[in-house]
Amino acid sequence: MITAPEAAVERPEPVTSWSPLPPVEPPTGWTRWLRRLFWLNLFVEVLIVASGGLVRLTASGLGCPDWPQCVPGSLTPVKHQAQSWHKYVEFGNRTLTSVVSVVAVALLVGLILDQRRGSRRRGLWPPVAFILFGIAVQAVVGGIAVRTELNPAIVATHMLASMVLVCASAWLVYRSRETDRPATALVPREVRWLAYVTSGVLAVVLFLGTMVTGSGPHSGDSAEHPARLHFDLRTVAWLHADTVMLLTGLVVAMLVATLLVARHTRAPRAWVWVICVIIVQAIVGYTQYFLQVPAGLVEVHMILASLLVVVTTWAVLSLRTR
């Protein structure tokens, strides 16, 4: 997901912490508040994935049947609306989108104020700008999903776009703990390329996960004939599982490689975090499959998918230092 520029391999001081993030000096004053904003931005991006899953799993996707209004003539749900309590679930998700936007704007303002206080951290601007742009795109894609009555391809795109924003937010948290000095690789080129391939396979895993959900019982709507993808659920589920096995093998290979060439860096510990999340995710995934995909486990599976994106992003970034 994240690339690093070519540079000579460096061997830094031994790392004793199990945190996948680079160490920083204890924050004080303004720096503390700015760092909290970075974490808050990541939290709300994961939270909106969970909220979107709740909308789908409670069949509330059309709780607000119009967009950008909830119903024609009103931005909010109305008392006698036919969608019952589903309208509040869907409207809550839309409200959370506004919260995500406010946090991103606050982060942008925080960076502007940081610049005025003499900071030279220009490397933080691109991800913040990307997140703001991505939120706007997400709002439009969500509107299209409603207008097309939850077309499964559009809903899948909505989910995958959220994962991209989670990745960008995780990148921002990591990047905010670094300087703007040129990146120096901690591992050989071959190991970095293996990490990029692993990230690509993770993207395929996420894509196939949306295909499984789009072919399963949770359409997001309680209509009698909901729009579904025309894939055999068993086939696409096992294809998803096989790809997860491939991903697991690649992550184990990354752990072995970093232990061999970068034992005294943060990289091996970061990839241990990835393995731990994959193991829990696999347990939940197989359990939900054999239990006929109960909604509660699907929600947990989606949250874990977000966490997997976070720790994988950090693991790839751990392969270089500034």
Protein backbone atom coordinates (compact mmCIF):
# COMPACT_ATOMS: atom_id res chain seq x y z
CA MET A 1 0.00 0.00 0.00
CA ILE A 2 2.84 2.38 0.86
CA THR A 3 6.07 2.65 -1.08
CA ALA A 4 9.44 3.88 0.06
CA PRO A 5 12.14 5.52 -2.03
CA GLU A 6 15.29 3.63 -2.92
CA ALA A 7 18.00 4.14 -0.33
CA ALA A 8 20.85 2.35 1.35
CA VAL A 9 19.95 -0.16 4.05
CA GLU A 10 20.55 1.23 7.53
CA ARG A 11 20.84 -0.52 10.91
CA PRO A 12 19.41 1.70 13.64
CA GLU A 13 19.59 1.34 17.41
CA PRO A 14 17.95 -1.78 18.91
CA VAL A 15 14.21 -1.52 19.51
CA THR A 16 12.78 -2.71 22.82
CA SER A 17 9.11 -1.66 22.46
CA TRP A 18 6.47 -3.90 20.87
CA SER A 19 4.71 -0.89 19.40
CA PRO A 20 4.63 -0.93 15.57
CA LEU A 21 4.96 2.88 15.59
CA PRO A 22 8.22 4.86 15.70
CA PRO A 23 9.09 6.40 19.08
CA VAL A 24 8.55 10.09 19.71
CA GLU A 25 9.36 12.49 22.49
CA PRO A 26 6.54 13.06 25.01
CA PRO A 27 4.24 15.68 23.44
CA THR A 28 3.57 18.96 25.17
CA GLY A 29 1.02 21.72 24.64
CA TRP A 30 0.02 22.20 21.01
CA THR A 31 1.84 19.08 19.81
CA ARG A 32 -0.24 16.91 22.14
CA TRP A 33 -3.51 18.24 20.72
CA LEU A 34 -2.36 17.85 17.12
CA ARG A 35 -1.32 14.26 17.76
CA ARG A 36 -4.70 13.54 19.32
CA LEU A 37 -6.34 14.82 16.14
CA PHE A 38 -4.31 12.34 14.06
CA TRP A 39 -5.56 9.49 16.25
CA LEU A 40 -9.12 10.81 16.31
CA ASN A 41 -9.15 10.94 12.51
CA LEU A 42 -8.09 7.28 12.33
CA PHE A 43 -10.67 6.31 14.95
CA VAL A 44 -13.60 7.94 13.16
CA GLU A 45 -12.56 6.42 9.82
CA VAL A 46 -12.70 2.94 11.39
CA LEU A 47 -15.90 3.88 13.22
CA ILE A 48 -17.69 4.81 10.01
CA VAL A 49 -16.79 1.40 8.56
CA ALA A 50 -18.45 -0.17 11.60
CA SER A 51 -21.42 2.18 11.25
CA GLY A 52 -21.82 1.35 7.56
CA GLY A 53 -21.73 -2.35 8.43
CA LEU A 54 -24.46 -1.80 11.01
CA VAL A 55 -26.62 -0.09 8.38
CA ARG A 56 -26.24 -3.02 6.02
CA LEU A 57 -26.64 -5.77 8.61
CA THR A 58 -29.83 -4.27 10.04
CA ALA A 59 -31.35 -3.91 6.55
CA SER A 60 -31.38 -0.12 7.01
CA GLY A 61 -29.67 0.83 3.76
CA LEU A 62 -32.81 2.52 2.47
CA GLY A 63 -33.89 3.86 5.85
CA CYS A 64 -33.47 7.25 4.20
CA PRO A 65 -34.76 6.51 0.69
CA ASP A 66 -33.61 9.83 -0.77
CA TRP A 67 -30.24 11.61 -1.05
CA PRO A 68 -28.91 14.11 -0.03
CA GLN A 69 -32.22 14.52 1.82
CA CYS A 70 -33.51 11.70 4.01
CA VAL A 71 -36.97 11.97 2.47
CA PRO A 72 -38.17 14.50 -0.11
CA GLY A 73 -38.44 17.86 1.63
CA SER A 74 -36.50 16.94 4.77
CA LEU A 75 -32.82 16.38 5.54
CA THR A 76 -33.77 14.45 8.68
CA PRO A 77 -36.15 11.53 9.27
CA VAL A 78 -39.82 12.46 9.72
CA LYS A 79 -42.18 11.03 12.30
CA HIS A 80 -44.52 9.09 10.04
CA GLN A 81 -41.86 7.76 7.69
CA ALA A 82 -42.54 4.22 6.45
CA GLN A 83 -39.03 2.97 7.25
CA SER A 84 -39.70 2.72 10.99
CA TRP A 85 -36.52 2.57 13.15
CA HIS A 86 -34.35 1.85 10.10
CA LYS A 87 -34.45 5.57 9.29
CA TYR A 88 -32.53 6.37 12.48
CA VAL A 89 -29.81 3.81 11.74
CA GLU A 90 -29.23 5.16 8.24
CA PHE A 91 -29.45 8.79 9.35
CA GLY A 92 -26.97 8.05 12.14
CA ASN A 93 -24.49 6.80 9.55
CA ARG A 94 -24.99 9.96 7.48
CA THR A 95 -24.47 12.10 10.58
CA LEU A 96 -21.23 10.25 11.30
CA THR A 97 -20.04 11.23 7.82
CA SER A 98 -20.39 14.83 8.93
CA VAL A 99 -18.34 14.06 12.05
CA VAL A 100 -15.59 12.51 9.90
CA SER A 101 -15.59 15.64 7.73
CA VAL A 102 -15.36 17.95 10.75
CA VAL A 103 -12.41 16.00 12.16
CA ALA A 104 -10.59 16.12 8.82
CA VAL A 105 -11.17 19.87 8.51
CA ALA A 106 -9.98 20.34 12.11
CA LEU A 107 -6.84 18.43 11.21
CA LEU A 108 -6.28 20.69 8.22
CA VAL A 109 -6.73 23.80 10.39
CA GLY A 110 -4.38 22.28 12.95
CA LEU A 111 -1.68 21.82 10.33
CA ILE A 112 -2.14 25.42 9.15
CA LEU A 113 -1.71 26.68 12.71
CA ASP A 114 1.27 24.36 13.14
CA GLN A 115 2.89 25.96 10.08
CA ARG A 116 2.29 29.42 11.53
CA ARG A 117 4.01 28.34 14.73
CA GLY A 118 7.15 27.64 12.73
CA SER A 119 6.75 23.97 11.87
CA ARG A 120 8.26 22.74 8.59
CA ARG A 121 6.25 19.50 8.48
CA ARG A 122 5.16 19.81 4.84
CA GLY A 123 5.04 16.04 4.41
CA LEU A 124 1.76 15.86 6.32
CA TRP A 125 -0.22 17.93 3.84
CA PRO A 126 -0.71 15.32 1.06
CA PRO A 127 -2.45 12.66 3.20
CA VAL A 128 -4.74 15.23 4.86
CA ALA A 129 -5.72 16.65 1.46
CA PHE A 130 -6.30 13.10 0.18
CA ILE A 131 -8.52 12.26 3.16
CA LEU A 132 -10.63 15.38 2.65
CA PHE A 133 -11.03 14.56 -1.05
CA GLY A 134 -11.82 10.93 -0.24
CA ILE A 135 -14.56 11.88 2.22
CA ALA A 136 -16.23 14.00 -0.46
CA VAL A 137 -16.02 11.12 -2.95
CA GLN A 138 -17.41 8.74 -0.34
CA ALA A 139 -20.43 10.96 0.23
CA VAL A 140 -21.16 10.96 -3.51
CA VAL A 141 -20.71 7.17 -3.80
CA GLY A 142 -23.04 6.71 -0.83
CA GLY A 143 -25.64 8.89 -2.55
CA ILE A 144 -25.32 6.86 -5.73
CA ALA A 145 -25.81 3.66 -3.70
CA VAL A 146 -29.09 5.03 -2.34
CA ARG A 147 -30.28 6.33 -5.72
CA THR A 148 -29.56 2.92 -7.31
CA GLU A 149 -31.40 1.15 -4.46
CA LEU A 150 -28.25 -0.40 -3.02
CA ASN A 151 -26.69 -1.71 -6.20
CA PRO A 152 -24.25 -4.30 -4.77
CA ALA A 153 -21.36 -3.14 -6.98
CA ILE A 154 -21.76 0.45 -5.76
CA VAL A 155 -22.06 -0.70 -2.13
CA ALA A 156 -18.85 -2.74 -2.55
CA THR A 157 -17.10 0.32 -3.99
CA HIS A 158 -18.31 2.32 -0.99
CA MET A 159 -16.74 -0.20 1.39
CA LEU A 160 -13.43 -0.41 -0.48
CA ALA A 161 -13.15 3.38 -0.63
CA SER A 162 -13.56 3.44 3.15
CA MET A 163 -10.65 1.02 3.46
CA VAL A 164 -8.49 3.33 1.35
CA LEU A 165 -9.31 6.17 3.75
CA VAL A 166 -8.47 3.96 6.73
CA CYS A 167 -5.11 3.20 5.09
CA ALA A 168 -4.45 6.91 4.49
CA SER A 169 -5.38 7.75 8.08
CA ALA A 170 -3.08 5.04 9.45
CA TRP A 171 -0.31 6.35 7.19
CA LEU A 172 -0.91 9.84 8.60
CA VAL A 173 -0.61 8.66 12.22
CA TYR A 174 2.69 6.94 11.43
CA ARG A 175 3.99 9.82 9.32
CA SER A 176 3.18 12.37 12.03
CA ARG A 177 5.69 10.62 14.30
CA GLU A 178 8.53 11.00 11.79
CA THR A 179 10.63 13.90 10.58
CA ASP A 180 10.70 15.18 7.00
CA ARG A 181 14.18 13.82 6.38
CA PRO A 182 14.63 11.51 3.37
CA ALA A 183 13.52 7.92 4.01
CA THR A 184 16.27 5.35 4.54
CA ALA A 185 15.52 1.68 3.89
CA LEU A 186 16.07 -0.80 6.73
CA VAL A 187 15.78 -3.89 4.52
CA PRO A 188 16.97 -4.89 1.04
CA ARG A 189 14.92 -4.10 -2.06
CA GLU A 190 13.68 -7.68 -2.39
CA VAL A 191 12.08 -7.57 1.06
CA ARG A 192 10.39 -4.27 0.29
CA TRP A 193 8.93 -5.68 -2.92
CA LEU A 194 7.66 -8.70 -0.99
CA ALA A 195 5.89 -6.24 1.33
CA TYR A 196 4.29 -4.48 -1.64
CA VAL A 197 3.08 -7.82 -3.04
CA THR A 198 1.65 -8.67 0.39
CA SER A 199 -0.21 -5.34 0.42
CA GLY A 200 -1.57 -6.08 -3.05
CA VAL A 201 -2.85 -9.48 -1.95
CA LEU A 202 -4.52 -7.81 1.04
CA ALA A 203 -6.33 -5.52 -1.41
CA VAL A 204 -7.54 -8.62 -3.30
CA VAL A 205 -8.70 -10.18 -0.01
CA LEU A 206 -10.74 -7.07 0.79
CA PHE A 207 -12.24 -7.02 -2.71
CA LEU A 208 -13.25 -10.68 -2.49
CA GLY A 209 -14.69 -10.00 0.96
CA THR A 210 -17.08 -7.47 -0.54
CA MET A 211 -18.02 -10.05 -3.18
CA VAL A 212 -18.87 -12.55 -0.43
CA THR A 213 -21.03 -10.00 1.38
CA GLY A 214 -22.65 -8.93 -1.88
CA SER A 215 -23.55 -12.56 -2.61
CA GLY A 216 -24.77 -13.37 0.89
CA PRO A 217 -27.97 -12.74 2.83
CA HIS A 218 -27.14 -9.21 4.01
CA SER A 219 -28.20 -6.92 1.17
CA GLY A 220 -28.74 -3.85 3.34
CA ASP A 221 -32.43 -3.74 2.46
CA SER A 222 -35.40 -5.68 3.77
CA ALA A 223 -37.09 -5.72 0.37
CA GLU A 224 -38.52 -9.04 -0.82
CA HIS A 225 -36.18 -9.21 -3.81
CA PRO A 226 -33.01 -7.27 -2.87
CA ALA A 227 -30.28 -6.62 -5.42
CA ARG A 228 -27.51 -9.21 -5.05
CA LEU A 229 -24.39 -10.20 -6.95
CA HIS A 230 -24.98 -13.32 -9.03
CA PHE A 231 -22.12 -15.39 -7.57
CA ASP A 232 -22.38 -18.72 -5.82
CA LEU A 233 -21.84 -17.84 -2.15
CA ARG A 234 -19.93 -21.04 -1.33
CA THR A 235 -17.56 -20.62 -4.28
CA VAL A 236 -16.73 -16.98 -3.69
CA ALA A 237 -16.38 -17.58 0.07
CA TRP A 238 -13.82 -20.32 -0.46
CA LEU A 239 -11.99 -18.20 -3.03
CA HIS A 240 -11.82 -15.48 -0.39
CA ALA A 241 -10.55 -17.98 2.17
CA ASP A 242 -7.88 -19.32 -0.20
CA THR A 243 -6.63 -15.79 -0.81
CA VAL A 244 -6.45 -15.23 2.94
CA MET A 245 -4.26 -18.33 3.17
CA LEU A 246 -1.96 -16.86 0.53
CA LEU A 247 -1.87 -13.59 2.45
CA THR A 248 -1.00 -15.43 5.66
CA GLY A 249 1.89 -17.20 3.95
CA LEU A 250 3.23 -13.91 2.61
CA VAL A 251 2.99 -12.25 6.03
CA VAL A 252 4.89 -15.17 7.61
CA ALA A 253 7.51 -14.78 4.88
CA MET A 254 7.77 -11.07 5.72
CA LEU A 255 8.25 -11.89 9.39
CA VAL A 256 11.02 -14.39 8.61
CA ALA A 257 12.69 -11.97 6.19
CA THR A 258 12.69 -9.07 8.66
CA LEU A 259 14.03 -11.33 11.42
CA LEU A 260 16.90 -12.31 9.13
CA VAL A 261 17.87 -8.85 7.84
CA ALA A 262 16.38 -6.38 10.35
CA ARG A 263 16.11 -8.22 13.67
CA HIS A 264 17.06 -5.16 15.73
CA THR A 265 14.47 -2.86 14.15
CA ARG A 266 10.76 -2.35 14.70
CA ALA A 267 9.88 -4.24 11.48
CA PRO A 268 9.63 -7.83 12.87
CA ARG A 269 7.40 -6.65 15.70
CA ALA A 270 5.16 -4.80 13.26
CA TRP A 271 4.66 -7.93 11.16
CA VAL A 272 3.86 -9.94 14.31
CA TRP A 273 0.95 -7.55 14.83
CA VAL A 274 -0.25 -8.29 11.30
CA ILE A 275 -0.11 -12.05 11.91
CA CYS A 276 -2.06 -11.71 15.16
CA VAL A 277 -4.87 -9.75 13.49
CA ILE A 278 -5.01 -12.23 10.58
CA ILE A 279 -5.34 -15.17 12.97
CA VAL A 280 -8.24 -13.57 14.84
CA GLN A 281 -9.81 -12.51 11.54
CA ALA A 282 -9.53 -16.04 10.14
CA ILE A 283 -11.18 -17.52 13.23
CA VAL A 284 -14.07 -15.08 12.98
CA GLY A 285 -14.35 -15.59 9.20
CA TYR A 286 -14.59 -19.38 9.33
CA THR A 287 -16.95 -19.24 12.31
CA GLN A 288 -19.34 -16.89 10.55
CA TYR A 289 -19.27 -19.09 7.43
CA PHE A 290 -20.18 -22.28 9.29
CA LEU A 291 -22.85 -20.43 11.31
CA GLN A 292 -24.51 -19.14 8.11
CA VAL A 293 -23.05 -15.60 8.39
CA PRO A 294 -24.82 -14.18 11.46
CA ALA A 295 -24.95 -10.38 11.41
CA GLY A 296 -22.99 -9.90 14.64
CA LEU A 297 -19.96 -11.83 13.44
CA VAL A 298 -20.05 -10.09 10.06
CA GLU A 299 -19.82 -6.75 11.89
CA VAL A 300 -16.82 -7.96 13.91
CA HIS A 301 -15.25 -9.25 10.68
CA MET A 302 -15.57 -5.81 9.06
CA ILE A 303 -14.00 -4.03 12.05
CA LEU A 304 -11.12 -6.52 12.08
CA ALA A 305 -10.64 -5.91 8.34
CA SER A 306 -10.13 -2.21 9.14
CA LEU A 307 -7.62 -3.06 11.86
CA LEU A 308 -5.80 -5.36 9.43
CA VAL A 309 -5.45 -2.47 6.99
CA VAL A 310 -4.09 -0.28 9.81
CA VAL A 311 -1.43 -2.71 11.06
CA THR A 312 -0.39 -3.73 7.54
CA THR A 313 0.12 -0.08 6.60
CA TRP A 314 2.27 0.42 9.69
CA ALA A 315 4.21 -2.79 8.99
CA VAL A 316 5.10 -1.68 5.46
CA LEU A 317 6.16 1.72 6.77
CA SER A 318 8.34 0.08 9.41
CA LEU A 319 10.68 -1.07 6.63
CA ARG A 320 12.23 2.41 6.44
CA THR A 321 13.21 5.16 8.82
CA ARG A 322 13.57 8.93 8.74
